[in-house]
Amino acid sequence: MQLRQIELFALRMRLRHPFETSFGREEDREFLLVRADAGDHVGWGEVTVSRDPFYCYETVETAESVLRNYLIPWTLSAPLAHPDDLAARLHQVRGHQMAKAGLEGALWDLYAKEQGIPLYQALGGERREIEVGISIGIEPTVDLLLAQVERFLGDGYRRIKIKIKPGKDYVPLRAVRDRFGDIPMMADANSAYSLSDIGLLQQLDELGLMMIEQPLSYEDIIDHATLAPQLKTPICLDECIHSPEDARKAIEIGAAGVLNIKIGRLGGLSASRKTHDIAQAAGIPVWCGGMLESGVGRLHNVAITTLGGFTLPGDTAASSRYWEEDIIDPEVEVTPHGTIVVPQGPGIGHAVREDMVRRLAHGHWTYRA
């Protein structure tokens, strides 16, 4: 790949509906886009950071800084034969996985376009259609939550994920189970509990959940291994898995019955594929988590989900779930039976609306090789 230039855009987009988790409430989504230009082809990647350091330490400001001062200049310093090679060039920068992932994602999109194949094929995926679920934030009342669940079940989503936190856990989940019966349902705690809450977490066992996602600390693997045998409900790890090695260790000590693979959290598509391979070899199911992505990040999620080990519906909902208007054309749509048809065009398969990106950008930087 002979890169001519890389552009970085800082965007802010208004969510259609505020999204609340155990660590905060978002009404606007702030993130970065990377545009990699090789002359004949252009690749796009999304840096799935947030404004605040609540999900992880990375923010829009930290990602912008490390991309501008280190990652982009180093990427442009010499040609790359394949996107897999980028990690070795950037390894001296510790962490900053989301910044790295957005940059690498643009190279993967560019590489697939240069090869004239869809991104999912470049990754080794095979599925032409993927199953998807929906993630519902913490609602002010149970009635509002029930209305949301009813709406999304009507839209065909194959799994309902409900955010929980202390005081907003058993009661709303029980209400959903009582109203809608044996629907596929899971809870996402975003690290809101500790081992002192084992009694409450055991109470959730009676609800027949698919899994409880990241109940304990965002830095912890050991305590999850202590908790797992005390629950009937499988534990899914998210925030504490930052690399394929983290996934291997968590599986080996019995901390995870399921893994959430997020491209940004793991540092890119290459690391996500490695994590998938480790889990698949161990018989651990995986699914693709979401970070309120724009259409660019959403299409990268679609591509990785075509790998064989993604046996559970992910969080890759339709564009219209989050945006009045997305930055891709056509937008991501969910079929009435709860699937997304995988794009067959080169790269991510949908056009990026560059005019809209440039109009929404409140920051824009260009770096030439």
Protein backbone atom coordinates (compact mmCIF):
# COMPACT_ATOMS: atom_id res chain seq x y z
CA MET A 1 0.00 0.00 0.00
CA GLN A 2 1.58 3.23 -1.21
CA LEU A 3 -0.15 5.81 0.98
CA ARG A 4 -0.26 9.34 -0.36
CA GLN A 5 -1.84 11.00 2.67
CA ILE A 6 -3.90 10.36 5.80
CA GLU A 7 -6.65 12.69 7.01
CA LEU A 8 -8.12 12.83 10.51
CA PHE A 9 -11.57 14.24 11.21
CA ALA A 10 -13.15 15.07 14.60
CA LEU A 11 -16.93 14.71 14.46
CA ARG A 12 -19.91 15.22 16.72
CA MET A 13 -23.27 13.61 15.90
CA ARG A 14 -26.54 13.86 17.85
CA LEU A 15 -28.03 10.54 18.94
CA ARG A 16 -31.70 9.99 18.12
CA HIS A 17 -32.29 8.82 21.69
CA PRO A 18 -30.07 9.45 24.76
CA PHE A 19 -28.10 6.36 25.75
CA GLU A 20 -27.44 5.69 29.44
CA THR A 21 -25.16 3.09 31.02
CA SER A 22 -23.85 2.55 34.54
CA PHE A 23 -21.14 5.16 33.91
CA GLY A 24 -23.09 7.94 32.28
CA ARG A 25 -25.56 9.29 29.73
CA GLU A 26 -24.75 10.30 26.17
CA GLU A 27 -26.82 12.60 23.96
CA ASP A 28 -24.09 13.44 21.44
CA ARG A 29 -21.52 11.05 20.07
CA GLU A 30 -18.01 12.47 19.62
CA PHE A 31 -15.46 10.40 17.69
CA LEU A 32 -12.73 10.49 15.04
CA LEU A 33 -12.61 9.27 11.44
CA VAL A 34 -9.46 8.30 9.55
CA ARG A 35 -9.22 8.60 5.76
CA ALA A 36 -6.27 6.81 4.12
CA ASP A 37 -5.61 7.92 0.53
CA ALA A 38 -3.48 5.89 -1.88
CA GLY A 39 -4.48 7.80 -4.99
CA ASP A 40 -6.64 5.27 -6.83
CA HIS A 41 -8.38 4.10 -3.65
CA VAL A 42 -9.40 5.55 -0.28
CA GLY A 43 -9.98 3.65 2.97
CA TRP A 44 -11.98 4.72 6.02
CA GLY A 45 -11.68 3.79 9.69
CA GLU A 46 -13.45 4.94 12.85
CA VAL A 47 -11.82 5.68 16.20
CA THR A 48 -14.57 4.57 18.59
CA VAL A 49 -13.57 6.77 21.52
CA SER A 50 -15.90 8.91 23.60
CA ARG A 51 -15.59 12.43 24.92
CA ASP A 52 -15.07 11.27 28.51
CA PRO A 53 -12.73 8.61 30.01
CA PHE A 54 -15.54 6.48 31.47
CA TYR A 55 -15.61 3.31 29.36
CA CYS A 56 -11.80 3.36 29.19
CA TYR A 57 -8.98 5.88 29.59
CA GLU A 58 -9.02 6.88 25.92
CA THR A 59 -10.92 9.99 24.85
CA VAL A 60 -11.28 12.02 21.67
CA GLU A 61 -8.46 14.29 22.88
CA THR A 62 -6.04 11.49 23.77
CA ALA A 63 -6.70 9.65 20.52
CA GLU A 64 -6.28 12.82 18.48
CA SER A 65 -2.97 13.56 20.19
CA VAL A 66 -1.46 10.10 19.83
CA LEU A 67 -2.61 9.78 16.22
CA ARG A 68 -1.23 13.16 15.21
CA ASN A 69 2.07 12.92 17.06
CA TYR A 70 2.93 9.24 16.69
CA LEU A 71 0.66 6.81 14.90
CA ILE A 72 -0.04 8.66 11.64
CA PRO A 73 3.56 9.88 11.07
CA TRP A 74 4.93 6.39 11.77
CA THR A 75 2.38 4.81 9.44
CA LEU A 76 3.43 7.15 6.63
CA SER A 77 7.15 6.61 7.23
CA ALA A 78 7.39 3.64 4.82
CA PRO A 79 5.08 1.48 2.67
CA LEU A 80 3.15 -1.38 4.28
CA ALA A 81 2.56 -4.68 2.49
CA HIS A 82 -0.51 -5.62 4.54
CA PRO A 83 -2.65 -4.14 7.37
CA ASP A 84 -1.46 -6.96 9.66
CA ASP A 85 1.99 -5.34 9.54
CA LEU A 86 0.87 -2.09 11.15
CA ALA A 87 0.80 -3.38 14.74
CA ALA A 88 4.53 -4.12 14.73
CA ARG A 89 5.30 -0.61 13.48
CA LEU A 90 3.20 0.98 16.23
CA HIS A 91 4.07 -1.38 19.09
CA GLN A 92 6.27 1.16 20.88
CA VAL A 93 3.13 3.15 21.75
CA ARG A 94 1.64 1.30 24.69
CA GLY A 95 -2.11 1.00 24.82
CA HIS A 96 -4.23 3.54 22.92
CA GLN A 97 -6.00 0.62 21.29
CA MET A 98 -8.91 2.63 19.90
CA ALA A 99 -6.61 5.13 18.21
CA LYS A 100 -4.66 2.27 16.65
CA ALA A 101 -7.82 0.45 15.60
CA GLY A 102 -9.26 3.41 13.73
CA LEU A 103 -6.06 3.88 11.77
CA GLU A 104 -5.67 0.18 11.05
CA GLY A 105 -9.32 -0.02 10.00
CA ALA A 106 -8.74 2.58 7.30
CA LEU A 107 -5.84 0.50 5.99
CA TRP A 108 -7.95 -2.67 5.97
CA ASP A 109 -10.67 -0.90 3.98
CA LEU A 110 -8.04 0.46 1.57
CA TYR A 111 -6.34 -2.93 1.22
CA ALA A 112 -9.62 -4.70 0.41
CA LYS A 113 -10.47 -2.06 -2.18
CA GLU A 114 -7.06 -2.43 -3.79
CA GLN A 115 -7.65 -6.17 -3.98
CA GLY A 116 -11.13 -5.60 -5.40
CA ILE A 117 -12.82 -7.69 -2.69
CA PRO A 118 -15.21 -7.03 0.23
CA LEU A 119 -13.60 -6.37 3.59
CA TYR A 120 -15.16 -9.47 5.11
CA GLN A 121 -13.45 -11.66 2.49
CA ALA A 122 -10.11 -9.96 3.15
CA LEU A 123 -10.54 -10.94 6.81
CA GLY A 124 -11.40 -14.54 5.94
CA GLY A 125 -15.10 -14.30 6.71
CA GLU A 126 -17.72 -16.32 4.88
CA ARG A 127 -21.21 -15.38 6.06
CA ARG A 128 -23.36 -13.38 3.64
CA GLU A 129 -25.84 -12.47 6.39
CA ILE A 130 -25.29 -11.89 10.12
CA GLU A 131 -27.66 -12.05 13.08
CA VAL A 132 -27.97 -8.91 15.17
CA GLY A 133 -29.36 -7.86 18.52
CA ILE A 134 -30.05 -4.52 20.14
CA SER A 135 -28.54 -2.74 23.14
CA ILE A 136 -30.95 -0.74 25.31
CA GLY A 137 -29.66 1.83 27.75
CA ILE A 138 -30.93 2.40 31.29
CA GLU A 139 -34.39 3.96 31.05
CA PRO A 140 -35.92 6.26 33.70
CA THR A 141 -38.92 3.97 34.21
CA VAL A 142 -39.79 0.32 33.67
CA ASP A 143 -42.67 1.33 31.38
CA LEU A 144 -40.28 3.17 29.06
CA LEU A 145 -37.97 0.15 29.03
CA LEU A 146 -40.86 -2.18 28.16
CA ALA A 147 -41.89 0.12 25.33
CA GLN A 148 -38.35 0.05 23.95
CA VAL A 149 -38.17 -3.74 24.13
CA GLU A 150 -41.55 -4.09 22.41
CA ARG A 151 -40.45 -1.77 19.62
CA PHE A 152 -37.18 -3.58 18.93
CA LEU A 153 -38.74 -7.03 19.08
CA GLY A 154 -41.21 -5.76 16.51
CA ASP A 155 -38.28 -4.66 14.36
CA GLY A 156 -37.01 -8.24 14.34
CA TYR A 157 -33.90 -8.01 16.55
CA ARG A 158 -32.82 -11.47 17.68
CA ARG A 159 -31.42 -10.59 21.11
CA ILE A 160 -32.21 -7.89 23.66
CA LYS A 161 -29.35 -6.50 25.76
CA ILE A 162 -30.31 -4.32 28.71
CA LYS A 163 -27.89 -2.09 30.58
CA ILE A 164 -28.01 -2.44 34.37
CA LYS A 165 -26.52 -0.86 37.48
CA PRO A 166 -27.21 -1.18 41.22
CA GLY A 167 -30.84 -0.26 41.83
CA LYS A 168 -31.68 -0.71 38.15
CA ASP A 169 -31.15 -4.42 37.69
CA TYR A 170 -33.43 -7.22 38.91
CA VAL A 171 -36.70 -5.29 38.82
CA PRO A 172 -36.51 -4.04 35.20
CA LEU A 173 -35.12 -7.37 33.97
CA ARG A 174 -37.90 -9.25 35.78
CA ALA A 175 -40.48 -6.96 34.22
CA VAL A 176 -39.14 -7.63 30.72
CA ARG A 177 -39.12 -11.39 31.32
CA ASP A 178 -42.67 -11.34 32.69
CA ARG A 179 -44.00 -9.24 29.79
CA PHE A 180 -42.22 -10.89 26.86
CA GLY A 181 -41.57 -14.43 28.05
CA ASP A 182 -38.64 -16.51 26.91
CA ILE A 183 -36.97 -14.00 24.58
CA PRO A 184 -33.15 -14.11 24.17
CA MET A 185 -32.05 -11.52 26.74
CA MET A 186 -28.81 -10.51 28.44
CA ALA A 187 -27.68 -7.88 30.94
CA ASP A 188 -24.67 -5.57 30.65
CA ALA A 189 -23.30 -4.19 33.92
CA ASN A 190 -20.33 -2.22 32.56
CA SER A 191 -18.31 -3.06 35.70
CA ALA A 192 -20.93 -1.74 38.15
CA TYR A 193 -20.70 -4.55 40.75
CA SER A 194 -18.19 -6.26 43.05
CA LEU A 195 -17.87 -9.66 44.71
CA SER A 196 -19.87 -8.27 47.63
CA ASP A 197 -22.87 -8.29 45.26
CA ILE A 198 -22.79 -12.05 44.65
CA GLY A 199 -26.23 -12.47 46.26
CA LEU A 200 -27.84 -10.04 43.85
CA LEU A 201 -26.03 -11.50 40.84
CA GLN A 202 -27.17 -14.98 41.87
CA GLN A 203 -30.74 -13.66 41.99
CA LEU A 204 -30.42 -12.84 38.29
CA ASP A 205 -29.90 -16.55 37.61
CA GLU A 206 -33.66 -17.13 37.89
CA LEU A 207 -34.25 -14.89 34.86
CA GLY A 208 -32.69 -17.28 32.34
CA LEU A 209 -30.32 -14.70 30.86
CA MET A 210 -28.00 -15.60 27.99
CA MET A 211 -25.15 -13.96 29.90
CA ILE A 212 -24.15 -11.17 32.27
CA GLU A 213 -21.63 -8.89 30.62
CA GLN A 214 -18.68 -7.49 32.62
CA PRO A 215 -20.27 -7.47 36.09
CA LEU A 216 -16.99 -6.70 37.91
CA SER A 217 -14.14 -4.21 37.54
CA TYR A 218 -12.98 -3.06 34.12
CA GLU A 219 -9.43 -4.08 35.08
CA ASP A 220 -10.29 -7.46 36.56
CA ILE A 221 -9.96 -11.02 35.32
CA ILE A 222 -9.21 -12.83 38.60
CA ASP A 223 -12.41 -11.94 40.47
CA HIS A 224 -14.49 -12.90 37.44
CA ALA A 225 -12.90 -16.36 37.69
CA THR A 226 -13.98 -16.43 41.35
CA LEU A 227 -17.51 -15.33 40.47
CA ALA A 228 -18.12 -17.58 37.45
CA PRO A 229 -18.59 -20.92 39.27
CA GLN A 230 -21.00 -19.30 41.72
CA LEU A 231 -23.43 -18.32 38.95
CA LYS A 232 -25.57 -20.39 36.62
CA THR A 233 -25.58 -17.54 34.11
CA PRO A 234 -22.47 -17.38 31.89
CA ILE A 235 -20.16 -14.40 32.34
CA CYS A 236 -19.20 -12.42 29.25
CA LEU A 237 -16.06 -10.29 29.46
CA ASP A 238 -15.77 -6.92 27.73
CA GLU A 239 -13.82 -4.01 29.25
CA CYS A 240 -11.02 -6.10 30.77
CA ILE A 241 -10.01 -7.82 27.50
CA HIS A 242 -7.57 -5.53 25.66
CA SER A 243 -5.64 -8.05 23.57
CA PRO A 244 -5.67 -11.63 22.30
CA GLU A 245 -3.36 -12.50 25.22
CA ASP A 246 -5.89 -11.15 27.72
CA ALA A 247 -8.51 -13.36 26.11
CA ARG A 248 -6.27 -16.43 26.30
CA LYS A 249 -5.54 -15.88 29.98
CA ALA A 250 -9.18 -15.21 30.89
CA ILE A 251 -10.27 -18.40 29.14
CA GLU A 252 -7.51 -20.47 30.77
CA ILE A 253 -8.51 -19.47 34.31
CA GLY A 254 -12.24 -19.87 33.70
CA ALA A 255 -13.14 -16.18 33.92
CA ALA A 256 -15.19 -16.06 30.73
CA GLY A 257 -17.89 -18.28 29.27
CA VAL A 258 -18.46 -15.77 26.45
CA LEU A 259 -16.34 -12.99 24.93
CA ASN A 260 -17.44 -9.64 23.55
CA ILE A 261 -15.13 -8.67 20.69
CA LYS A 262 -14.90 -4.92 20.13
CA ILE A 263 -12.55 -3.87 17.37
CA GLY A 264 -11.61 -0.60 19.09
CA ARG A 265 -10.98 -2.12 22.50
CA LEU A 266 -8.73 -4.83 21.06
CA GLY A 267 -6.69 -2.48 18.88
CA GLY A 268 -8.00 -3.33 15.43
CA LEU A 269 -9.34 -5.93 13.05
CA SER A 270 -6.12 -7.97 13.08
CA ALA A 271 -6.17 -8.37 16.88
CA SER A 272 -9.93 -9.00 16.81
CA ARG A 273 -9.44 -11.84 14.35
CA LYS A 274 -6.70 -13.35 16.56
CA THR A 275 -8.98 -13.09 19.61
CA HIS A 276 -11.76 -14.78 17.66
CA ASP A 277 -9.39 -17.62 16.71
CA ILE A 278 -8.29 -18.16 20.32
CA ALA A 279 -11.89 -18.27 21.56
CA GLN A 280 -13.02 -20.54 18.74
CA ALA A 281 -10.22 -23.02 19.47
CA ALA A 282 -11.29 -23.08 23.13
CA GLY A 283 -14.99 -23.50 22.30
CA ILE A 284 -15.89 -20.07 23.71
CA PRO A 285 -18.64 -18.25 21.77
CA VAL A 286 -18.02 -14.65 20.74
CA TRP A 287 -20.13 -11.76 19.51
CA CYS A 288 -19.40 -8.27 18.26
CA GLY A 289 -19.98 -5.42 20.69
CA GLY A 290 -20.86 -1.88 19.70
CA MET A 291 -19.67 1.58 20.68
CA LEU A 292 -22.46 3.71 19.17
CA GLU A 293 -20.54 3.75 15.90
CA SER A 294 -21.33 5.77 12.83
CA GLY A 295 -21.86 3.81 9.64
CA VAL A 296 -18.11 3.51 9.06
CA GLY A 297 -17.44 1.65 12.31
CA ARG A 298 -20.71 -0.24 11.92
CA LEU A 299 -19.58 -1.69 8.59
CA HIS A 300 -16.28 -2.81 10.10
CA ASN A 301 -18.33 -4.61 12.77
CA VAL A 302 -20.42 -6.29 10.08
CA ALA A 303 -17.25 -7.52 8.35
CA ILE A 304 -15.64 -9.07 11.44
CA THR A 305 -18.91 -10.77 12.42
CA THR A 306 -18.77 -12.93 9.28
CA LEU A 307 -16.03 -15.07 10.89
CA GLY A 308 -17.20 -18.52 11.94
CA GLY A 309 -16.85 -18.15 15.71
CA PHE A 310 -19.38 -15.30 15.94
CA THR A 311 -22.27 -17.57 16.92
CA LEU A 312 -24.28 -15.06 18.98
CA PRO A 313 -26.13 -11.95 17.73
CA GLY A 314 -24.05 -8.81 18.17
CA ASP A 315 -24.80 -5.15 18.87
CA THR A 316 -24.56 -3.99 15.25
CA ALA A 317 -28.00 -2.43 14.92
CA ALA A 318 -29.36 -0.45 12.00
CA SER A 319 -28.07 3.08 11.38
CA SER A 320 -31.55 4.41 12.17
CA ARG A 321 -31.28 3.04 15.73
CA TYR A 322 -28.87 5.86 16.57
CA TRP A 323 -28.90 8.49 13.80
CA GLU A 324 -31.45 10.59 11.98
CA GLU A 325 -28.95 10.56 9.13
CA ASP A 326 -25.80 8.45 8.87
CA ILE A 327 -22.56 9.32 7.08
CA ILE A 328 -22.72 6.33 4.71
CA ASP A 329 -24.84 5.62 1.65
CA PRO A 330 -26.75 3.39 1.76
CA GLU A 331 -27.24 3.19 5.51
CA VAL A 332 -27.01 -0.08 7.42
CA GLU A 333 -30.43 -1.72 7.58
CA VAL A 334 -31.77 -4.69 9.53
CA THR A 335 -34.10 -7.13 7.79
CA PRO A 336 -37.51 -7.97 9.32
CA HIS A 337 -36.03 -11.26 10.56
CA GLY A 338 -33.19 -9.62 12.51
CA THR A 339 -30.21 -9.86 10.19
CA ILE A 340 -27.92 -7.57 8.22
CA VAL A 341 -27.04 -8.54 4.66
CA VAL A 342 -23.26 -8.26 4.29
CA PRO A 343 -22.17 -5.75 1.61
CA GLN A 344 -20.54 -7.35 -1.42
CA GLY A 345 -18.80 -4.26 -2.81
CA PRO A 346 -15.05 -3.67 -2.37
CA GLY A 347 -13.89 -2.71 1.13
CA ILE A 348 -16.62 -1.76 3.56
CA GLY A 349 -19.02 -1.90 0.63
CA HIS A 350 -20.88 1.38 1.17
CA ALA A 351 -19.91 4.89 0.10
CA VAL A 352 -18.85 7.40 2.75
CA ARG A 353 -20.63 10.73 2.36
CA GLU A 354 -17.51 12.86 2.33
CA ASP A 355 -19.46 16.08 1.95
CA MET A 356 -21.36 15.31 5.15
CA VAL A 357 -18.17 14.28 6.99
CA ARG A 358 -16.47 17.56 6.09
CA ARG A 359 -19.56 19.54 7.04
CA LEU A 360 -19.86 17.88 10.45
CA ALA A 361 -16.14 17.99 11.24
CA HIS A 362 -15.08 20.50 13.89
CA GLY A 363 -11.46 19.43 13.48
CA HIS A 364 -9.56 18.29 10.36
CA TRP A 365 -5.86 17.48 9.88
CA THR A 366 -3.98 16.26 6.79
CA TYR A 367 -0.66 14.40 6.77
CA ARG A 368 1.22 13.65 3.56
CA ALA A 369 3.73 10.91 2.95
